[in-house]
């Protein structure tokens, strides 16, 4: 039996990380590595740098095409901090793709996911969803999305906003 997305029921959406960084820093590699461990079979899109493509191919599939062309612009949920509605499991079961912005953040959100990704997609065929009021790191967004897919409600997931390590 298939869902509206064309996937078989029980299958997870294809996770796409739309890379928006020019270079693969150690920090970005750590986040992307965590994402691959959390969501096997992910795809990195918009990877223009040859060196970055080589390294990311160790974690998942890699495409130089952007997420819009990779997906055909349909059946996507874009995780966007500025979206009006929260991410829900029911919608994920219908989506073919789940798109996370591969954007290293700043202390104050700058709306880059909306600018670089969400605004390029036709919302008649796709949806933008948030995961609460806190801006998340790339790997935290993937973790929370995975938890929701596995049945957790967004309201039940505790997000640590600041962490202090004492020696």
Foldseek 3Di string as FASTA:
>chain_A
DPALQRDRQPDFAAEEAEEPDQDCDPVLVVLLQLLLVLDPAHEYECHDDPVVCVVCVVRHHYYNHGPCVVVVQAQEEEAFLPFDAADALVSRSRGNYYYYYSDADDPDHDRVCCVPPVVVGDVVGYHYHYLDNADDHRNVVSNLVSVRNVPDDSVPDDDDRDDDDDD
